[in-house]
Amino acid sequence: MDYAQEALNGSVLAGARLIRLLEEGDPAGIEGLKKIYPHAGQAFMIGITGPPGAGKSTLVDRIITEFRGRGKKVGVIAIDPSSPFSGGAILGDRVRMQRHATDEGVFVRSMATRGHLGGLSRATFQAALVLDAMGYDIVLVETVGVGQDEVEIVDLAHTTAVVSLPGMGDDIQAMKAGILEIGDIFIVNKADRVGSDDVVRQLQVMLEMRDYSATNWTPPVLKTIASKSEGIIELVDAFLEHRDHLVSTGILDTRVEERELHFFKELVKEMAYEKINTAAGGAKKYAMLTEALKKRETDPYSAAETLMEHLKVDM
């Protein structure tokens, strides 16, 4: 079956199969991605990030409902921790967003991190391209929830929303050097809890310390109670307002270009590493250098330089 063509024709099963092939690094998936790539580039990519327990999944569920109510097709990529047994996502599609399971305008895909740092999966970008090419207007990416390291989403999303909640205490301060730096919109979820106004004030104070002259966009801090669908309309309005801002200022085009360049560079690094690793694996010099490293007879930098010189001769 031509999964790429079927996905372009709207087949959810074909799209899911193509994403699975890409996750597995199957050559058929890569060929499929090449085929659908010219059809991508229209979707609005929204990243939802923040610490565990902030209610991101419930929030995403309500955001889906609001966008569907506005006639938008929504694709969701939910990044989950990897199972230590199967390597797959611990949480699967069947336990997420059950209310949307029969909605043909919603595509939910869970993906495992498989040890990849930064809050995303290796194939997240590819999966987002698939959903984009399939005609989904909005692509929501919910990160795994690893906290301060979770900044990779900014390389994928057009708009990044950072979720926090009351009761985090000093964790809000710790966020300042990490994910607080990447937010376009800040959300205080579970705002019916004691201390929500304090969190809003803390965030606003921290945001006032940042310089927004380059983008001319000051991130809003919004309160939501996702479990009761409160504040969701205002949040979706803020997403769309930010998108309009990106379009009118030309920043959207810049972000798309930077995203594509980032993906290209990552692919080059991966391919170069695989080729070098394959070439070095059978080289006697490689074995000698690794042994020298174990005995501390050389340092990693010198060993790497020696190996590259050796490979240059062999290649």
Protein backbone atom coordinates (compact mmCIF):
# COMPACT_ATOMS: atom_id res chain seq x y z
CA MET A 1 0.00 0.00 0.00
CA ASP A 2 1.15 3.53 -0.76
CA TYR A 3 0.73 4.88 2.78
CA ALA A 4 1.84 8.39 1.81
CA GLN A 5 -0.77 8.75 -0.93
CA GLU A 6 -3.50 7.21 1.22
CA ALA A 7 -2.61 9.61 4.04
CA LEU A 8 -2.84 12.53 1.63
CA ASN A 9 -6.26 11.21 0.64
CA GLY A 10 -7.32 11.45 4.27
CA SER A 11 -6.84 7.90 5.53
CA VAL A 12 -6.22 8.01 9.28
CA LEU A 13 -5.01 4.40 9.28
CA ALA A 14 -2.47 5.16 6.54
CA GLY A 15 -1.30 8.25 8.40
CA ALA A 16 -0.86 6.25 11.60
CA ARG A 17 1.06 3.56 9.73
CA LEU A 18 3.33 6.13 8.09
CA ILE A 19 4.11 7.69 11.48
CA ARG A 20 4.91 4.24 12.86
CA LEU A 21 7.34 3.60 10.00
CA LEU A 22 9.03 6.92 10.69
CA GLU A 23 9.32 6.11 14.40
CA GLU A 24 11.03 2.86 13.48
CA GLY A 25 13.36 4.57 11.01
CA ASP A 26 12.01 2.36 8.22
CA PRO A 27 13.20 3.42 4.73
CA ALA A 28 9.60 3.13 3.51
CA GLY A 29 8.59 5.80 6.04
CA ILE A 30 11.37 8.11 4.87
CA GLU A 31 10.29 7.68 1.25
CA GLY A 32 6.72 8.43 2.30
CA LEU A 33 7.83 11.58 4.07
CA LYS A 34 9.61 12.75 0.93
CA LYS A 35 6.35 12.31 -0.97
CA ILE A 36 4.13 14.22 1.44
CA TYR A 37 6.61 17.00 2.26
CA PRO A 38 5.48 19.36 -0.56
CA HIS A 39 1.93 19.18 0.80
CA ALA A 40 2.88 20.33 4.32
CA GLY A 41 3.38 23.86 5.59
CA GLN A 42 -0.17 25.01 6.27
CA ALA A 43 -0.91 23.79 9.81
CA PHE A 44 -0.64 25.97 12.90
CA MET A 45 1.73 24.17 15.30
CA ILE A 46 1.04 24.71 19.00
CA GLY A 47 3.28 23.30 21.72
CA ILE A 48 1.96 22.62 25.21
CA THR A 49 4.72 22.16 27.77
CA GLY A 50 5.20 22.29 31.50
CA PRO A 51 5.93 20.16 34.55
CA PRO A 52 4.21 16.86 35.38
CA GLY A 53 0.88 17.22 37.14
CA ALA A 54 0.01 20.55 35.54
CA GLY A 55 -3.00 19.02 33.79
CA LYS A 56 -1.64 19.30 30.24
CA SER A 57 -3.61 16.35 28.86
CA THR A 58 -6.94 17.62 30.20
CA LEU A 59 -6.09 21.06 28.88
CA VAL A 60 -5.30 19.67 25.42
CA ASP A 61 -8.58 17.74 25.46
CA ARG A 62 -10.54 20.96 26.07
CA ILE A 63 -8.52 22.87 23.48
CA ILE A 64 -9.43 20.23 20.91
CA THR A 65 -13.11 20.67 21.73
CA GLU A 66 -12.91 24.46 21.32
CA PHE A 67 -11.06 24.31 18.00
CA ARG A 68 -13.50 21.69 16.70
CA GLY A 69 -16.33 24.00 17.67
CA ARG A 70 -14.72 26.60 15.42
CA GLY A 71 -14.62 24.17 12.50
CA LYS A 72 -10.92 23.32 12.66
CA LYS A 73 -9.46 19.87 12.08
CA VAL A 74 -7.08 19.02 14.93
CA GLY A 75 -4.12 16.67 15.05
CA VAL A 76 -2.53 15.85 18.40
CA ILE A 77 0.89 14.38 19.15
CA ALA A 78 1.11 13.40 22.80
CA ILE A 79 4.63 12.54 23.93
CA ASP A 80 4.77 9.96 26.71
CA PRO A 81 7.51 8.28 28.72
CA SER A 82 8.75 5.03 27.21
CA SER A 83 7.73 1.67 28.61
CA PRO A 84 10.79 -0.06 30.10
CA PHE A 85 9.51 -3.33 28.60
CA SER A 86 8.22 -2.58 25.10
CA GLY A 87 9.88 0.79 24.47
CA GLY A 88 6.49 2.15 23.43
CA ALA A 89 4.44 4.94 24.97
CA ILE A 90 3.23 4.11 28.48
CA LEU A 91 0.04 6.05 27.84
CA GLY A 92 -1.63 5.20 24.56
CA ASP A 93 -4.20 6.74 22.24
CA ARG A 94 -6.99 4.67 23.78
CA VAL A 95 -6.68 6.30 27.20
CA ARG A 96 -6.28 9.83 25.89
CA MET A 97 -9.02 12.18 24.76
CA GLN A 98 -11.66 9.44 24.58
CA ARG A 99 -14.39 11.94 23.80
CA HIS A 100 -12.80 12.56 20.41
CA ALA A 101 -12.25 8.91 19.46
CA THR A 102 -15.11 8.88 16.94
CA ASP A 103 -14.53 12.38 15.58
CA GLU A 104 -13.10 12.15 12.06
CA GLY A 105 -11.78 15.69 12.43
CA VAL A 106 -9.41 14.69 15.25
CA PHE A 107 -6.27 12.57 15.04
CA VAL A 108 -4.54 11.68 18.34
CA ARG A 109 -1.19 9.98 18.32
CA SER A 110 0.85 8.97 21.38
CA MET A 111 4.59 8.70 20.87
CA ALA A 112 7.27 7.41 23.22
CA THR A 113 10.35 9.47 24.07
CA ARG A 114 12.49 6.31 23.76
CA GLY A 115 15.18 7.95 25.84
CA HIS A 116 15.26 11.12 23.74
CA LEU A 117 15.85 14.20 25.92
CA GLY A 118 14.16 17.57 25.56
CA GLY A 119 10.56 16.48 26.12
CA LEU A 120 9.93 15.24 22.58
CA SER A 121 10.32 12.04 20.61
CA ARG A 122 12.88 11.70 17.79
CA ALA A 123 10.06 11.35 15.25
CA THR A 124 7.89 14.19 16.59
CA PHE A 125 8.80 16.57 13.78
CA GLN A 126 8.13 13.91 11.13
CA ALA A 127 4.78 13.06 12.70
CA ALA A 128 3.82 16.74 12.75
CA LEU A 129 4.65 16.96 9.03
CA VAL A 130 2.41 13.97 8.33
CA LEU A 131 -0.55 15.55 10.15
CA ASP A 132 0.15 18.87 8.45
CA ALA A 133 0.15 17.26 5.00
CA MET A 134 -3.05 15.37 5.83
CA GLY A 135 -4.87 18.67 6.14
CA TYR A 136 -5.17 19.18 9.89
CA ASP A 137 -5.51 22.91 10.55
CA ILE A 138 -4.14 22.75 14.08
CA VAL A 139 -1.40 20.41 15.31
CA LEU A 140 -1.08 20.29 19.09
CA VAL A 141 2.11 18.79 20.54
CA GLU A 142 1.95 17.91 24.23
CA THR A 143 5.41 17.26 25.66
CA VAL A 144 6.25 14.54 28.14
CA GLY A 145 6.51 16.85 31.12
CA VAL A 146 10.13 16.70 32.19
CA GLY A 147 10.42 20.23 33.50
CA GLN A 148 13.33 22.55 32.88
CA ASP A 149 14.95 20.45 30.12
CA GLU A 150 11.79 20.62 28.06
CA VAL A 151 12.83 23.36 25.65
CA GLU A 152 13.05 21.42 22.39
CA ILE A 153 9.41 22.19 21.64
CA VAL A 154 10.42 25.74 20.64
CA ASP A 155 12.21 24.27 17.58
CA LEU A 156 8.93 22.71 16.40
CA ALA A 157 6.00 24.89 17.45
CA HIS A 158 4.92 28.23 16.03
CA THR A 159 3.36 29.08 19.41
CA THR A 160 4.55 27.59 22.69
CA ALA A 161 2.34 27.59 25.77
CA VAL A 162 3.90 26.95 29.18
CA VAL A 163 1.58 25.45 31.77
CA SER A 164 2.04 25.86 35.52
CA LEU A 165 -0.21 25.42 38.52
CA PRO A 166 -0.66 26.67 42.09
CA GLY A 167 1.36 24.96 44.79
CA MET A 168 4.61 24.75 42.85
CA GLY A 169 6.37 27.18 45.19
CA ASP A 170 10.03 27.57 44.35
CA ASP A 171 9.53 25.49 41.19
CA ILE A 172 8.28 28.64 39.47
CA GLN A 173 11.64 30.26 40.22
CA ALA A 174 13.46 27.21 38.86
CA MET A 175 11.50 27.48 35.62
CA LYS A 176 12.97 30.92 34.97
CA ALA A 177 16.22 29.59 33.53
CA GLY A 178 14.49 26.87 31.50
CA ILE A 179 11.05 26.63 29.95
CA LEU A 180 10.01 30.06 31.21
CA GLU A 181 12.30 31.52 28.54
CA ILE A 182 10.46 29.90 25.64
CA GLY A 183 6.82 30.71 26.32
CA ASP A 184 4.62 32.77 24.02
CA ILE A 185 1.61 32.20 26.28
CA PHE A 186 1.59 31.25 29.95
CA ILE A 187 -1.20 29.24 31.50
CA VAL A 188 -1.95 28.84 35.19
CA ASN A 189 -4.12 25.73 35.20
CA LYS A 190 -6.17 24.42 38.13
CA ALA A 191 -6.80 28.06 38.93
CA ASP A 192 -9.52 27.17 41.44
CA ARG A 193 -6.76 26.14 43.85
CA VAL A 194 -5.50 28.43 46.58
CA GLY A 195 -2.54 30.49 45.44
CA SER A 196 -3.40 30.79 41.73
CA ASP A 197 -3.37 34.59 41.84
CA ASP A 198 0.07 34.49 43.46
CA VAL A 199 1.39 32.31 40.63
CA VAL A 200 -0.04 34.73 38.06
CA ARG A 201 1.69 37.65 39.78
CA GLN A 202 5.01 35.76 39.98
CA LEU A 203 4.90 35.00 36.29
CA GLN A 204 3.96 38.55 35.37
CA VAL A 205 6.87 39.93 37.43
CA MET A 206 9.31 37.56 35.77
CA LEU A 207 7.98 38.36 32.31
CA GLU A 208 8.38 42.08 32.96
CA MET A 209 12.12 41.43 33.32
CA ARG A 210 12.38 40.11 29.76
CA ASP A 211 13.00 42.25 26.67
CA TYR A 212 10.31 41.77 24.02
CA SER A 213 11.40 44.54 21.67
CA ALA A 214 12.57 42.03 19.05
CA THR A 215 9.15 40.37 18.72
CA ASN A 216 6.87 43.13 19.98
CA TRP A 217 4.79 40.47 21.73
CA THR A 218 4.31 40.38 25.49
CA PRO A 219 3.17 36.89 26.58
CA PRO A 220 -0.17 36.93 28.37
CA VAL A 221 -0.70 34.99 31.59
CA LEU A 222 -4.06 33.24 31.52
CA LYS A 223 -5.93 31.28 34.17
CA THR A 224 -7.75 28.07 33.28
CA ILE A 225 -9.62 25.30 35.03
CA ALA A 226 -9.40 22.65 32.33
CA SER A 227 -11.46 20.10 34.24
CA LYS A 228 -14.40 22.53 34.12
CA SER A 229 -13.57 23.96 30.65
CA GLU A 230 -13.09 27.41 32.19
CA GLY A 231 -10.80 29.86 30.44
CA ILE A 232 -10.47 27.69 27.33
CA ILE A 233 -12.22 30.14 24.97
CA GLU A 234 -9.86 32.92 26.05
CA LEU A 235 -6.88 30.60 25.66
CA VAL A 236 -7.77 29.60 22.10
CA ASP A 237 -8.39 33.28 21.29
CA ALA A 238 -4.86 34.00 22.56
CA PHE A 239 -3.41 31.23 20.35
CA LEU A 240 -5.06 32.71 17.28
CA GLU A 241 -4.09 36.26 18.27
CA HIS A 242 -0.46 35.16 18.54
CA ARG A 243 -0.64 33.47 15.15
CA ASP A 244 -2.03 36.67 13.60
CA HIS A 245 0.84 38.55 15.21
CA LEU A 246 3.40 36.11 13.78
CA VAL A 247 1.88 36.44 10.30
CA SER A 248 1.61 40.24 10.33
CA THR A 249 5.19 40.71 11.52
CA GLY A 250 6.72 38.07 9.25
CA ILE A 251 8.00 36.15 12.28
CA LEU A 252 6.00 33.07 11.28
CA ASP A 253 7.98 32.69 8.05
CA THR A 254 11.21 33.08 10.00
CA ARG A 255 10.18 30.44 12.53
CA VAL A 256 9.20 28.01 9.78
CA GLU A 257 12.55 28.54 8.04
CA GLU A 258 14.44 28.06 11.31
CA ARG A 259 12.45 24.89 12.04
CA GLU A 260 13.20 23.38 8.65
CA LEU A 261 16.88 24.30 8.96
CA HIS A 262 17.05 22.77 12.44
CA PHE A 263 15.52 19.53 11.16
CA PHE A 264 17.93 19.48 8.22
CA LYS A 265 20.95 19.97 10.49
CA GLU A 266 19.78 17.23 12.86
CA LEU A 267 19.38 14.82 9.93
CA VAL A 268 22.85 15.67 8.63
CA LYS A 269 24.33 15.02 12.09
CA GLU A 270 22.52 11.70 12.41
CA MET A 271 23.51 10.54 8.94
CA ALA A 272 27.12 11.66 9.41
CA TYR A 273 27.32 9.87 12.74
CA GLU A 274 25.94 6.64 11.25
CA LYS A 275 28.42 6.75 8.36
CA ILE A 276 31.37 7.51 10.65
CA ASN A 277 30.29 4.83 13.11
CA THR A 278 29.95 2.26 10.34
CA ALA A 279 33.31 3.17 8.82
CA ALA A 280 35.08 3.22 12.16
CA GLY A 281 33.54 0.04 13.50
CA GLY A 282 35.77 -2.23 11.42
CA ALA A 283 38.90 -0.09 11.65
CA LYS A 284 41.81 -1.38 13.71
CA LYS A 285 42.61 2.21 14.62
CA TYR A 286 39.20 2.56 16.28
CA ALA A 287 39.85 -0.44 18.53
CA MET A 288 43.31 0.89 19.41
CA LEU A 289 41.91 4.31 20.29
CA THR A 290 39.14 2.96 22.48
CA GLU A 291 41.65 0.83 24.33
CA ALA A 292 43.90 3.86 24.77
CA LEU A 293 40.98 5.81 26.17
CA LYS A 294 40.25 3.10 28.72
CA LYS A 295 43.86 3.24 29.89
CA ARG A 296 43.85 7.07 29.79
CA GLU A 297 46.78 7.01 27.41
CA THR A 298 44.92 9.59 25.29
CA ASP A 299 42.05 12.03 25.77
CA PRO A 300 38.67 12.02 23.94
CA TYR A 301 39.50 15.09 21.82
CA SER A 302 42.80 13.72 20.58
CA ALA A 303 41.23 10.32 19.95
CA ALA A 304 38.42 11.85 17.89
CA GLU A 305 40.86 13.94 15.86
CA THR A 306 43.08 10.91 15.20
CA LEU A 307 40.10 8.81 14.14
CA MET A 308 38.83 11.47 11.72
CA GLU A 309 42.26 11.74 10.12
CA HIS A 310 42.40 7.94 9.81
CA LEU A 311 38.93 7.82 8.22
CA LYS A 312 39.91 10.54 5.74
CA VAL A 313 42.70 8.33 4.46
CA ASP A 314 40.52 5.21 4.30
CA MET A 315 37.63 6.98 2.60
